[in-house]
Amino acid sequence: MNPEGHHEKAERLEASLRKLSDEADYELVVEACYGAAVHYVAVISERRRKRHLDTHKGLAKFLDENDLADLASPFRELEILRTAKYYGSQKDGTSARAARRILGEIKAKLH
């Protein structure tokens, strides 16, 4: 996928996120934040290094290897949240709010 396609996909996921409740839909919020983050990271990587990874598998390592630690750190935080909390029971919306915060941090690096 080209960078424009990644950007469009991330924006579509964010549009869907706006329809979800952190408390009632926390699993979907975390998953959608993760998916949008993967796409925003691809756009940023392409802009900065003229290359990106089209998958989430190995993405944190790719970011480290391409001197993109400012993306690797929040992405790893989101990966941990996704695995630990998505499959956990944070029904009060804590996980969803954290995922939205991390996505915002990643998205802010677009500019």
Protein backbone atom coordinates (compact mmCIF):
# COMPACT_ATOMS: atom_id res chain seq x y z
CA MET A 1 0.00 0.00 0.00
CA ASN A 2 1.28 3.48 -0.75
CA PRO A 3 1.50 6.21 1.92
CA GLU A 4 -1.70 7.89 0.75
CA GLY A 5 -3.55 4.60 1.10
CA HIS A 6 -2.17 4.14 4.61
CA HIS A 7 -3.24 7.65 5.54
CA GLU A 8 -6.75 7.15 4.18
CA LYS A 9 -7.10 3.84 6.02
CA ALA A 10 -5.97 5.41 9.31
CA GLU A 11 -8.47 8.24 8.88
CA ARG A 12 -11.28 5.75 8.17
CA LEU A 13 -10.41 3.82 11.32
CA GLU A 14 -10.42 7.05 13.31
CA ALA A 15 -13.85 7.94 11.88
CA SER A 16 -15.11 4.60 13.16
CA LEU A 17 -13.41 5.20 16.51
CA ARG A 18 -15.43 8.38 17.00
CA LYS A 19 -18.60 6.25 17.01
CA LEU A 20 -17.39 4.01 19.84
CA SER A 21 -17.69 4.34 23.60
CA ASP A 22 -14.57 3.80 25.68
CA GLU A 23 -16.52 1.89 28.31
CA ALA A 24 -18.91 -0.16 26.20
CA ASP A 25 -16.63 -0.80 23.22
CA TYR A 26 -13.18 -0.85 24.82
CA GLU A 27 -12.05 -3.94 22.89
CA LEU A 28 -12.87 -2.36 19.53
CA VAL A 29 -11.39 0.99 20.55
CA VAL A 30 -8.06 -0.60 21.44
CA GLU A 31 -8.01 -2.67 18.27
CA ALA A 32 -8.93 0.28 16.04
CA CYS A 33 -6.31 2.50 17.68
CA TYR A 34 -3.73 -0.19 17.05
CA GLY A 35 -4.76 -0.54 13.41
CA ALA A 36 -4.75 3.21 12.83
CA ALA A 37 -1.35 3.48 14.51
CA VAL A 38 0.10 0.86 12.14
CA HIS A 39 -1.04 2.96 9.19
CA TYR A 40 0.14 6.29 10.60
CA VAL A 41 3.53 4.74 11.40
CA ALA A 42 3.78 3.62 7.77
CA VAL A 43 3.12 7.16 6.56
CA ILE A 44 5.64 8.69 8.95
CA SER A 45 8.27 6.06 8.16
CA GLU A 46 7.86 6.67 4.46
CA ARG A 47 8.22 10.43 4.91
CA ARG A 48 11.29 10.16 7.10
CA ARG A 49 13.11 7.12 5.70
CA LYS A 50 11.50 6.61 2.27
CA ARG A 51 10.45 3.11 3.32
CA HIS A 52 7.89 1.46 5.54
CA LEU A 53 6.63 -1.92 6.64
CA ASP A 54 3.19 -3.00 5.42
CA THR A 55 2.48 -5.18 8.44
CA HIS A 56 2.44 -4.88 12.20
CA LYS A 57 4.55 -8.00 12.68
CA GLY A 58 8.11 -6.89 13.33
CA LEU A 59 7.16 -3.23 13.11
CA ALA A 60 8.76 -2.17 16.40
CA LYS A 61 12.02 -3.83 15.35
CA PHE A 62 11.82 -2.13 11.94
CA LEU A 63 11.40 1.22 13.69
CA ASP A 64 14.39 0.57 15.92
CA GLU A 65 16.54 -0.50 12.98
CA ASN A 66 15.60 2.65 11.06
CA ASP A 67 16.35 5.07 13.89
CA LEU A 68 12.70 5.85 14.57
CA ALA A 69 12.75 5.37 18.34
CA ASP A 70 10.21 8.17 18.82
CA LEU A 71 7.72 5.92 17.01
CA ALA A 72 8.97 2.59 18.35
CA SER A 73 8.38 3.52 21.97
CA PRO A 74 4.69 4.52 21.73
CA PHE A 75 4.03 1.70 19.26
CA ARG A 76 5.43 -0.84 21.73
CA GLU A 77 3.30 0.71 24.46
CA LEU A 78 0.24 0.24 22.27
CA GLU A 79 1.25 -3.36 21.45
CA ILE A 80 1.55 -4.15 25.16
CA LEU A 81 -1.77 -2.49 25.88
CA ARG A 82 -3.40 -4.39 23.06
CA THR A 83 -2.16 -7.77 24.22
CA ALA A 84 -2.53 -7.26 27.95
CA LYS A 85 -5.61 -5.08 28.18
CA TYR A 86 -7.54 -5.91 25.04
CA TYR A 87 -7.72 -9.49 26.13
CA GLY A 88 -8.14 -8.41 29.76
CA SER A 89 -11.11 -6.90 31.49
CA GLN A 90 -10.63 -3.11 31.53
CA LYS A 91 -14.36 -2.53 31.21
CA ASP A 92 -14.16 0.93 32.76
CA GLY A 93 -12.64 2.38 29.59
CA THR A 94 -9.12 2.77 30.98
CA SER A 95 -7.55 0.73 28.18
CA ALA A 96 -9.53 2.55 25.52
CA ARG A 97 -8.52 5.96 26.80
CA ALA A 98 -4.87 4.91 26.99
CA ALA A 99 -5.02 3.57 23.43
CA ARG A 100 -6.55 6.81 22.18
CA ARG A 101 -3.81 8.81 23.94
CA ILE A 102 -1.03 6.72 22.38
CA LEU A 103 -2.63 6.96 18.94
CA GLY A 104 -2.73 10.74 19.39
CA GLU A 105 0.98 10.77 20.25
CA ILE A 106 1.82 8.81 17.12
CA LYS A 107 -0.47 10.86 14.89
CA ALA A 108 1.09 14.09 16.19
CA LYS A 109 4.36 13.00 14.59
CA LEU A 110 2.80 13.34 11.13
CA HIS A 111 3.56 17.07 11.27
